[in-house]
């Protein structure tokens, strides 16, 4: 059976030298030293209570109840059959995961051409930024009666999504009238939060008003594509069973104790050694497929929020974590690749290679050396040339090989990255499942907006540490 493969030849010293590459002895010693960390992660994942309490319930998402998946699939079909547009409101993983899925699994130029959509609604995203222009443009050009809205927020309080939903709700209400709530689904906490409170209130008066799906306990936003993202995939017409089958098969591979058979473990081990011992502090993810660029954007959040931490598990200041950079081949071979090749040697580059594209194009005869060449073959050659260029300069790189882009293989790819990130958190001894640094800007905004309930300790810290803006330093 076809499967995702991980080629790490160019991470090793045999190709790029001991200074920048990982030797087999270093890799063997690392695996031996970190057996406890790998076992610790496996133990947590095997117990539901531990998964929920420690934020690893995402590891169980590939094994969801088939009847519940069927209900989500049917809700997605219902929405797709009755509306011309669907607007998803969310931020962080609730936007990046959906955008990654849509770009990977829907046809190119999906929203632009009816022939590409094949009776699926146009799908738009907002609530991920406080720039007013995109939402204003959407609401000025969509018709309320033709538009279904899905709002995704655990608490209902995240400023960007809350503001967008308030504006969109008022737009729907004005355009439709008292039954506007029948064109809304909320994906939110199952029991608490202001959005759940609104769902209960509206749904009690009309069971078709503000229908809802639950964001599961123990699943952080960046790990939640197989939870909050399922309705979006169902609207797109993606087979949820196929998607999760890919994730399940990858979960089985990532549970193996032998590092040479466990791609997520091996990826995390090599990246950690390169980071801690070789000074590779930047991680470039460069898929050679335009449809996977948003997947690289999603991974940037996954890596940055999970591993960019000030404190170790014991509370020691460590300020650790690689810096992610999302790129895309071949376009970015004409931009950041110059720095990858000749800039500071402080990076690893991970490529994603697609062996077979859904569609291909032949270059016409009479086009010189390109005559008769399939685009897919040119793409593969460009990736090979990029690897060669990096190896010549002793720059560590590796390649994730996808047989093709499909729900099965994309589901497997997402789970691979999630497990690799979890392993890397173990190796770095940080909590990969919280994001305290994100709360800083939120708390400052809440303070300025005079939000009730902000802890006095937080408010006092903001008062005592104001931003200093001297006019002579503004020119």
Protein backbone atom coordinates (compact mmCIF):
# COMPACT_ATOMS: atom_id res chain seq x y z
CA UNK A 1 0.00 0.00 0.00
CA UNK A 2 1.20 3.52 -0.81
CA UNK A 3 2.27 5.64 2.15
CA UNK A 4 3.93 8.92 3.04
CA UNK A 5 7.70 8.52 3.19
CA UNK A 6 10.32 10.59 5.00
CA UNK A 7 13.72 11.05 3.30
CA UNK A 8 16.29 12.41 5.76
CA UNK A 9 19.51 11.67 3.86
CA UNK A 10 20.37 15.36 3.60
CA UNK A 11 20.12 15.88 7.36
CA UNK A 12 23.00 13.48 7.92
CA UNK A 13 26.74 14.10 8.15
CA UNK A 14 27.43 11.61 5.36
CA UNK A 15 26.00 14.20 2.95
CA UNK A 16 26.68 17.60 4.55
CA UNK A 17 29.54 16.97 7.01
CA UNK A 18 29.68 16.63 10.80
CA UNK A 19 29.61 20.35 11.52
CA UNK A 20 26.11 20.80 10.11
CA UNK A 21 24.84 17.26 9.70
CA UNK A 22 23.74 14.65 12.23
CA UNK A 23 26.01 11.62 12.47
CA UNK A 24 24.57 8.14 12.86
CA UNK A 25 26.26 7.89 16.26
CA UNK A 26 24.67 11.19 17.38
CA UNK A 27 21.28 9.97 16.24
CA UNK A 28 21.67 6.62 17.97
CA UNK A 29 22.76 8.29 21.22
CA UNK A 30 19.83 10.73 21.07
CA UNK A 31 17.28 7.95 20.54
CA UNK A 32 18.74 5.97 23.43
CA UNK A 33 18.77 9.02 25.73
CA UNK A 34 15.19 9.97 24.91
CA UNK A 35 13.51 6.58 25.24
CA UNK A 36 11.83 7.78 28.43
CA UNK A 37 10.42 10.87 26.73
CA UNK A 38 8.93 8.79 23.92
CA UNK A 39 7.48 6.30 26.39
CA UNK A 40 6.02 9.15 28.48
CA UNK A 41 4.18 10.51 25.45
CA UNK A 42 2.90 7.07 24.48
CA UNK A 43 1.64 6.47 28.04
CA UNK A 44 -0.29 9.76 28.12
CA UNK A 45 -1.88 9.08 24.73
CA UNK A 46 -3.04 5.63 25.84
CA UNK A 47 -5.18 7.00 28.73
CA UNK A 48 -8.23 9.17 27.99
CA UNK A 49 -8.13 11.07 31.28
CA UNK A 50 -4.49 12.01 30.78
CA UNK A 51 -5.11 13.02 27.17
CA UNK A 52 -7.93 15.36 28.15
CA UNK A 53 -6.22 16.86 31.20
CA UNK A 54 -2.88 17.45 29.46
CA UNK A 55 -4.18 18.68 26.11
CA UNK A 56 -3.53 15.57 24.00
CA UNK A 57 -7.09 14.53 23.18
CA UNK A 58 -6.31 15.47 19.57
CA UNK A 59 -4.42 12.17 19.34
CA UNK A 60 -7.76 10.33 19.59
CA UNK A 61 -9.51 12.37 16.87
CA UNK A 62 -8.65 9.91 14.06
CA UNK A 63 -10.72 7.31 15.94
CA UNK A 64 -14.00 9.24 16.22
CA UNK A 65 -17.41 7.62 16.31
CA UNK A 66 -18.59 6.85 12.78
CA UNK A 67 -22.21 7.79 13.51
CA UNK A 68 -21.17 11.24 14.72
CA UNK A 69 -19.04 11.69 11.61
CA UNK A 70 -22.03 10.69 9.50
CA UNK A 71 -24.15 13.40 11.15
CA UNK A 72 -21.52 16.06 10.42
CA UNK A 73 -21.22 14.83 6.83
CA UNK A 74 -25.00 15.11 6.40
CA UNK A 75 -25.09 18.61 7.93
CA UNK A 76 -22.39 19.67 5.49
CA UNK A 77 -24.40 18.28 2.56
CA UNK A 78 -27.51 20.10 3.77
CA UNK A 79 -25.68 23.43 3.95
CA UNK A 80 -24.05 22.89 0.54
CA UNK A 81 -27.37 22.03 -1.09
CA UNK A 82 -29.19 25.13 0.15
CA UNK A 83 -26.74 28.03 0.02
CA UNK A 84 -24.54 29.69 -2.57
CA UNK A 85 -22.01 30.97 -0.01
CA UNK A 86 -20.68 29.75 3.33
CA UNK A 87 -18.75 32.13 5.58
CA UNK A 88 -16.50 30.63 8.27
CA UNK A 89 -15.46 32.93 11.12
CA UNK A 90 -12.48 31.93 13.25
CA UNK A 91 -8.85 32.67 14.05
CA UNK A 92 -5.69 30.65 14.69
CA UNK A 93 -6.26 26.98 13.99
CA UNK A 94 -9.93 27.74 13.39
CA UNK A 95 -8.84 29.64 10.29
CA UNK A 96 -5.44 28.23 9.32
CA UNK A 97 -6.56 24.60 9.48
CA UNK A 98 -9.63 25.29 7.33
CA UNK A 99 -7.68 27.34 4.79
CA UNK A 100 -5.03 24.60 4.59
CA UNK A 101 -7.68 21.96 3.97
CA UNK A 102 -9.50 24.00 1.34
CA UNK A 103 -6.37 24.87 -0.62
CA UNK A 104 -5.10 21.28 -0.47
CA UNK A 105 -8.28 19.36 -1.21
CA UNK A 106 -10.49 21.68 -3.28
CA UNK A 107 -9.67 22.44 -6.92
CA UNK A 108 -7.52 25.46 -7.75
CA UNK A 109 -9.44 28.75 -8.08
CA UNK A 110 -12.32 27.07 -6.25
CA UNK A 111 -14.29 30.25 -5.50
CA UNK A 112 -13.66 31.80 -8.90
CA UNK A 113 -15.18 29.28 -11.30
CA UNK A 114 -18.46 27.38 -11.08
CA UNK A 115 -17.00 24.48 -13.09
CA UNK A 116 -14.36 24.01 -10.39
CA UNK A 117 -16.89 23.97 -7.54
CA UNK A 118 -19.33 21.45 -9.07
CA UNK A 119 -22.39 22.60 -7.07
CA UNK A 120 -20.43 23.27 -3.87
CA UNK A 121 -20.94 26.79 -2.40
CA UNK A 122 -18.28 29.44 -2.47
CA UNK A 123 -16.45 29.32 0.87
CA UNK A 124 -15.02 32.43 2.51
CA UNK A 125 -13.07 33.07 5.72
CA UNK A 126 -13.07 36.03 8.10
CA UNK A 127 -12.84 36.71 11.83
CA UNK A 128 -9.09 36.12 11.63
CA UNK A 129 -8.01 39.76 11.52
CA UNK A 130 -9.15 43.21 12.64
CA UNK A 131 -8.61 44.74 9.21
CA UNK A 132 -12.13 46.00 8.37
CA UNK A 133 -11.83 45.90 4.58
CA UNK A 134 -12.16 42.15 3.83
CA UNK A 135 -15.33 41.70 5.90
CA UNK A 136 -16.87 44.89 4.54
CA UNK A 137 -16.18 43.71 0.98
CA UNK A 138 -17.77 40.33 1.69
CA UNK A 139 -20.93 41.70 3.27
CA UNK A 140 -21.31 44.31 0.54
CA UNK A 141 -21.19 41.63 -2.15
CA UNK A 142 -22.99 38.63 -0.62
CA UNK A 143 -26.72 38.28 -0.15
CA UNK A 144 -27.86 37.28 3.37
CA UNK A 145 -30.47 34.77 2.13
CA UNK A 146 -27.83 32.98 0.05
CA UNK A 147 -25.21 32.85 2.81
CA UNK A 148 -24.72 30.39 5.67
CA UNK A 149 -22.45 31.38 8.58
CA UNK A 150 -20.30 29.10 10.76
CA UNK A 151 -18.65 30.74 13.77
CA UNK A 152 -15.84 28.88 15.53
CA UNK A 153 -14.76 30.04 18.98
CA UNK A 154 -14.19 28.07 22.16
CA UNK A 155 -15.12 30.88 24.53
CA UNK A 156 -16.85 33.30 22.20
CA UNK A 157 -14.57 36.04 23.54
CA UNK A 158 -11.61 36.16 21.15
CA UNK A 159 -11.75 39.75 19.88
CA UNK A 160 -11.26 39.17 16.15
CA UNK A 161 -13.90 36.46 15.84
CA UNK A 162 -16.31 38.05 18.30
CA UNK A 163 -16.28 41.35 16.40
CA UNK A 164 -16.72 39.67 13.01
CA UNK A 165 -19.59 37.56 14.27
CA UNK A 166 -21.35 40.54 15.83
CA UNK A 167 -21.19 42.42 12.51
CA UNK A 168 -22.20 39.36 10.46
CA UNK A 169 -25.05 38.45 12.80
CA UNK A 170 -26.49 41.97 12.52
CA UNK A 171 -26.16 41.76 8.70
CA UNK A 172 -28.02 38.43 8.62
CA UNK A 173 -30.73 39.65 10.98
CA UNK A 174 -31.33 42.78 8.91
CA UNK A 175 -31.45 40.85 5.65
CA UNK A 176 -33.51 37.84 6.76
CA UNK A 177 -35.55 38.73 9.81
CA UNK A 178 -36.40 36.75 12.92
CA UNK A 179 -35.35 33.34 11.54
CA UNK A 180 -31.81 34.47 10.67
CA UNK A 181 -30.40 32.09 13.31
CA UNK A 182 -31.34 29.12 11.14
CA UNK A 183 -28.45 30.14 8.91
CA UNK A 184 -25.89 29.88 11.70
CA UNK A 185 -23.93 27.00 13.18
CA UNK A 186 -21.68 27.65 16.19
CA UNK A 187 -18.71 25.39 16.88
CA UNK A 188 -17.86 26.10 20.50
CA UNK A 189 -17.25 24.75 24.01
CA UNK A 190 -19.84 22.07 24.84
CA UNK A 191 -20.80 23.57 28.20
CA UNK A 192 -19.42 27.05 28.90
CA UNK A 193 -18.59 30.43 27.39
CA UNK A 194 -20.61 33.31 25.99
CA UNK A 195 -21.09 31.66 22.59
CA UNK A 196 -22.43 28.46 24.17
CA UNK A 197 -24.74 30.57 26.33
CA UNK A 198 -26.11 32.26 23.20
CA UNK A 199 -26.58 28.88 21.49
CA UNK A 200 -28.59 27.55 24.44
CA UNK A 201 -30.73 30.69 24.58
CA UNK A 202 -31.48 30.83 20.84
CA UNK A 203 -31.85 27.08 20.37
CA UNK A 204 -34.34 26.73 23.21
CA UNK A 205 -36.79 28.98 21.35
CA UNK A 206 -36.27 27.29 17.96
CA UNK A 207 -34.40 23.99 17.53
CA UNK A 208 -33.20 25.07 14.06
CA UNK A 209 -31.78 28.30 15.46
CA UNK A 210 -28.04 28.40 16.19
CA UNK A 211 -27.36 24.71 15.75
CA UNK A 212 -24.00 23.74 17.20
CA UNK A 213 -21.09 21.33 17.25
CA UNK A 214 -18.76 20.86 20.21
CA UNK A 215 -15.09 21.76 20.48
CA UNK A 216 -13.77 18.81 22.45
CA UNK A 217 -12.02 19.13 25.79
CA UNK A 218 -8.27 18.63 25.65
CA UNK A 219 -7.96 19.69 22.01
CA UNK A 220 -6.11 22.98 21.44
CA UNK A 221 -7.03 25.10 18.44
CA UNK A 222 -3.90 24.38 16.41
CA UNK A 223 -4.42 20.62 16.92
CA UNK A 224 -8.15 20.69 16.18
CA UNK A 225 -8.50 20.34 12.40
CA UNK A 226 -10.04 16.88 12.84
CA UNK A 227 -12.57 18.38 15.29
CA UNK A 228 -13.58 21.94 14.39
CA UNK A 229 -12.57 21.50 10.72
CA UNK A 230 -14.86 18.57 9.94
CA UNK A 231 -17.97 20.59 9.06
CA UNK A 232 -15.96 22.72 6.64
CA UNK A 233 -14.63 19.55 4.99
CA UNK A 234 -18.15 18.12 4.82
CA UNK A 235 -19.43 21.28 3.07
CA UNK A 236 -16.56 20.86 0.58
CA UNK A 237 -17.78 17.33 -0.07
CA UNK A 238 -14.69 15.66 1.38
CA UNK A 239 -15.16 12.08 2.62
CA UNK A 240 -14.46 12.36 6.36
CA UNK A 241 -13.90 8.63 6.74
CA UNK A 242 -11.16 8.68 4.11
CA UNK A 243 -9.50 11.70 5.74
CA UNK A 244 -9.43 10.08 9.18
CA UNK A 245 -8.33 6.73 7.78
CA UNK A 246 -5.15 8.44 6.64
CA UNK A 247 -4.69 9.95 10.10
CA UNK A 248 -5.33 6.55 11.76
CA UNK A 249 -2.76 4.81 9.61
CA UNK A 250 -0.21 7.52 10.40
CA UNK A 251 -1.08 7.23 14.12
CA UNK A 252 -0.18 3.54 13.96
CA UNK A 253 3.18 4.31 12.38
CA UNK A 254 3.88 7.09 14.90
CA UNK A 255 3.26 4.73 17.83
CA UNK A 256 6.11 2.39 16.87
CA UNK A 257 9.00 2.20 19.32
CA UNK A 258 11.62 1.73 16.60
CA UNK A 259 12.71 5.25 15.58
CA UNK A 260 13.71 4.01 12.12
CA UNK A 261 10.10 3.01 11.50
CA UNK A 262 8.45 5.99 13.18
CA UNK A 263 8.58 9.04 10.84
CA UNK A 264 7.31 11.60 13.38
CA UNK A 265 9.82 10.48 16.01
CA UNK A 266 12.66 10.59 13.48
CA UNK A 267 11.66 14.02 12.19
CA UNK A 268 11.49 15.44 15.72
CA UNK A 269 14.79 13.82 16.74
CA UNK A 270 16.69 15.17 13.74
CA UNK A 271 15.22 18.66 14.07
CA UNK A 272 16.02 18.75 17.80
CA UNK A 273 19.63 17.65 17.29
CA UNK A 274 20.05 20.17 14.46
CA UNK A 275 18.58 22.90 16.68
CA UNK A 276 20.34 22.18 19.97
CA UNK A 277 23.71 20.91 18.69
CA UNK A 278 24.13 22.46 15.24
CA UNK A 279 22.59 25.90 15.80
CA UNK A 280 19.74 25.48 13.28
CA UNK A 281 17.23 27.83 14.91
CA UNK A 282 15.04 28.45 11.85
CA UNK A 283 12.76 25.86 10.28
CA UNK A 284 11.68 26.42 6.68
CA UNK A 285 8.80 24.32 5.38
CA UNK A 286 8.69 24.45 1.58
CA UNK A 287 6.12 22.26 -0.16
CA UNK A 288 6.65 21.91 -3.89
CA UNK A 289 2.92 22.21 -4.55
CA UNK A 290 1.03 25.49 -4.55
CA UNK A 291 -1.97 23.80 -2.96
CA UNK A 292 0.10 22.98 0.15
CA UNK A 293 1.33 26.52 0.84
CA UNK A 294 -1.49 27.07 3.36
CA UNK A 295 -0.54 23.78 5.02
CA UNK A 296 2.90 25.32 5.58
CA UNK A 297 1.18 28.38 7.11
CA UNK A 298 -0.80 26.06 9.42
CA UNK A 299 2.41 24.28 10.46
CA UNK A 300 4.02 27.63 11.29
CA UNK A 301 1.36 28.19 13.95
CA UNK A 302 1.65 24.61 15.17
CA UNK A 303 5.41 24.85 15.64
CA UNK A 304 5.55 28.41 16.99
CA UNK A 305 2.74 28.15 19.55
CA UNK A 306 3.65 24.65 20.66
CA UNK A 307 7.40 24.94 21.11
CA UNK A 308 8.16 28.65 21.44
CA UNK A 309 8.17 28.69 25.24
CA UNK A 310 9.76 30.81 27.94
CA UNK A 311 9.62 28.14 30.65
CA UNK A 312 10.47 24.46 30.91
CA UNK A 313 8.00 22.09 32.55
CA UNK A 314 9.77 22.69 35.86
CA UNK A 315 9.42 26.48 35.55
CA UNK A 316 13.01 27.20 34.54
CA UNK A 317 13.49 30.03 31.99
CA UNK A 318 14.62 28.40 28.73
CA UNK A 319 13.27 30.65 25.91
CA UNK A 320 13.32 27.77 23.47
CA UNK A 321 11.77 26.83 20.14
CA UNK A 322 12.70 26.95 16.46
CA UNK A 323 11.35 29.82 14.35
CA UNK A 324 9.10 28.62 11.50
CA UNK A 325 9.10 30.05 7.99
CA UNK A 326 6.42 29.02 5.47
CA UNK A 327 7.52 28.99 1.84
CA UNK A 328 6.52 27.34 -1.42
CA UNK A 329 8.41 25.88 -4.35
CA UNK A 330 9.07 26.82 -7.02
CA UNK A 331 8.05 30.45 -6.52
CA UNK A 332 10.19 31.00 -3.45
CA UNK A 333 13.30 29.67 -5.18
CA UNK A 334 13.38 33.21 -6.54
CA UNK A 335 13.12 34.85 -3.12
CA UNK A 336 14.09 33.32 0.24
CA UNK A 337 16.07 30.48 -1.35
CA UNK A 338 18.94 32.92 -1.91
CA UNK A 339 19.17 33.30 1.87
CA UNK A 340 18.76 29.54 2.41
CA UNK A 341 21.76 28.90 0.15
CA UNK A 342 24.12 31.76 0.98
CA UNK A 343 22.76 33.39 4.12
CA UNK A 344 23.58 32.36 7.68
CA UNK A 345 23.71 28.57 7.99
CA UNK A 346 21.17 28.50 10.82
CA UNK A 347 18.24 26.73 9.12
CA UNK A 348 16.81 23.39 8.24
CA UNK A 349 14.60 23.14 5.17
CA UNK A 350 11.80 20.59 4.94
CA UNK A 351 10.40 19.94 1.48
CA UNK A 352 7.11 18.25 0.64
CA UNK A 353 7.26 16.37 -2.63
CA UNK A 354 4.10 15.28 -4.47
CA UNK A 355 4.72 12.30 -6.73
CA UNK A 356 1.51 12.56 -8.76
CA UNK A 357 -0.57 15.72 -9.25
CA UNK A 358 -4.32 15.61 -9.88
CA UNK A 359 -3.81 17.42 -13.19
CA UNK A 360 -0.77 17.91 -15.40
CA UNK A 361 0.22 20.09 -18.35
CA UNK A 362 2.61 19.32 -21.20
CA UNK A 363 4.81 22.15 -22.47
CA UNK A 364 4.13 22.50 -26.23
CA UNK A 365 6.66 21.35 -28.83
CA UNK A 366 8.86 24.12 -30.12
CA UNK A 367 9.66 25.34 -26.63
CA UNK A 368 13.34 24.37 -26.70
CA UNK A 369 14.61 22.13 -23.91
CA UNK A 370 11.18 22.27 -22.25
CA UNK A 371 9.37 20.79 -25.27
CA UNK A 372 7.00 17.98 -24.35
CA UNK A 373 7.91 18.13 -20.65
CA UNK A 374 5.13 17.58 -18.10
CA UNK A 375 4.91 20.31 -15.46
CA UNK A 376 5.06 17.58 -12.78
CA UNK A 377 8.42 16.37 -14.08
CA UNK A 378 9.76 19.93 -14.13
CA UNK A 379 8.56 20.37 -10.53
CA UNK A 380 10.34 17.18 -9.45
CA UNK A 381 13.53 18.28 -11.21
CA UNK A 382 13.37 21.71 -9.55
CA UNK A 383 13.12 20.05 -6.14
CA UNK A 384 16.04 17.74 -6.91
CA UNK A 385 18.10 20.75 -8.02
CA UNK A 386 17.17 22.63 -4.84
CA UNK A 387 18.30 19.70 -2.69
CA UNK A 388 21.58 19.53 -4.60
CA UNK A 389 22.20 23.25 -4.18
CA UNK A 390 21.64 23.05 -0.41
CA UNK A 391 23.81 19.96 0.03
CA UNK A 392 26.65 21.65 -1.89
CA UNK A 393 26.60 24.40 0.76
CA UNK A 394 26.27 21.95 3.69
CA UNK A 395 22.69 23.08 4.45
CA UNK A 396 20.55 20.42 6.20
CA UNK A 397 17.30 19.52 4.47
CA UNK A 398 14.83 16.67 4.31
CA UNK A 399 11.81 15.67 2.24
CA UNK A 400 8.34 14.39 3.07
CA UNK A 401 7.08 12.43 0.05
CA UNK A 402 3.34 12.30 -0.68
CA UNK A 403 2.17 9.84 -3.33
CA UNK A 404 -0.54 12.39 -4.19
CA UNK A 405 -2.69 15.04 -2.52
CA UNK A 406 -5.92 13.38 -1.40
CA UNK A 407 -8.04 13.37 1.78
CA UNK A 408 -6.25 10.19 2.89
CA UNK A 409 -2.71 11.49 2.43
CA UNK A 410 -3.48 15.02 3.64
CA UNK A 411 -5.04 13.58 6.80
CA UNK A 412 -1.91 11.49 7.30
CA UNK A 413 0.33 14.53 6.73
CA UNK A 414 -1.51 16.65 9.31
CA UNK A 415 -1.29 13.91 11.94
CA UNK A 416 2.40 13.38 11.14
CA UNK A 417 3.16 17.04 11.88
CA UNK A 418 1.06 16.99 15.06
CA UNK A 419 2.86 13.92 16.41
CA UNK A 420 6.28 15.26 15.39
CA UNK A 421 5.53 18.45 17.31
CA UNK A 422 4.43 16.47 20.37
CA UNK A 423 7.66 14.45 20.29
CA UNK A 424 9.73 17.61 19.92
CA UNK A 425 7.99 19.11 22.96
CA UNK A 426 9.03 16.04 24.94
CA UNK A 427 12.63 16.33 23.74
CA UNK A 428 12.76 20.05 24.64
CA UNK A 429 10.99 19.46 27.98
CA UNK A 430 8.32 22.11 27.39
CA UNK A 431 4.53 22.02 27.45
CA UNK A 432 3.65 21.83 23.76
CA UNK A 433 -0.08 22.18 24.42
CA UNK A 434 -0.51 25.63 25.95
CA UNK A 435 0.18 29.14 24.58
CA UNK A 436 0.64 31.60 27.47
CA UNK A 437 2.53 34.06 25.28
CA UNK A 438 -0.56 34.62 23.14
CA UNK A 439 -2.48 35.93 26.15
CA UNK A 440 -0.30 39.05 26.44
CA UNK A 441 -1.84 41.04 23.61
CA UNK A 442 -5.32 39.74 24.47
CA UNK A 443 -5.04 40.93 28.06
CA UNK A 444 -3.75 44.34 26.99
CA UNK A 445 -6.69 44.76 24.62
CA UNK A 446 -9.15 43.58 27.28
CA UNK A 447 -7.66 46.13 29.71
CA UNK A 448 -8.00 48.97 27.21
CA UNK A 449 -11.54 47.85 26.34
CA UNK A 450 -12.39 47.68 30.07
CA UNK A 451 -13.56 44.11 29.88
CA UNK A 452 -15.14 42.98 33.18
CA UNK A 453 -13.44 40.18 35.07
CA UNK A 454 -9.85 40.87 34.05
CA UNK A 455 -7.64 39.77 36.98
CA UNK A 456 -6.37 42.72 38.98
CA UNK A 457 -2.82 41.34 38.86
CA UNK A 458 -2.94 41.53 35.05
CA UNK A 459 -4.42 45.03 35.05
CA UNK A 460 -1.81 46.21 37.57
CA UNK A 461 1.03 44.82 35.45
CA UNK A 462 -0.23 46.77 32.43
CA UNK A 463 -0.59 49.97 34.45
CA UNK A 464 2.95 49.67 35.82
CA UNK A 465 4.50 48.91 32.43
CA UNK A 466 3.07 51.40 29.90
CA UNK A 467 4.32 51.65 26.34
CA UNK A 468 6.86 54.49 26.05
CA UNK A 469 6.46 56.61 22.92
CA UNK A 470 8.79 59.66 22.65
CA UNK A 471 8.03 62.00 19.78
CA UNK A 472 11.71 62.59 18.97
CA UNK A 473 12.00 58.94 18.06
CA UNK A 474 9.15 59.16 15.54
CA UNK A 475 10.43 60.75 12.30
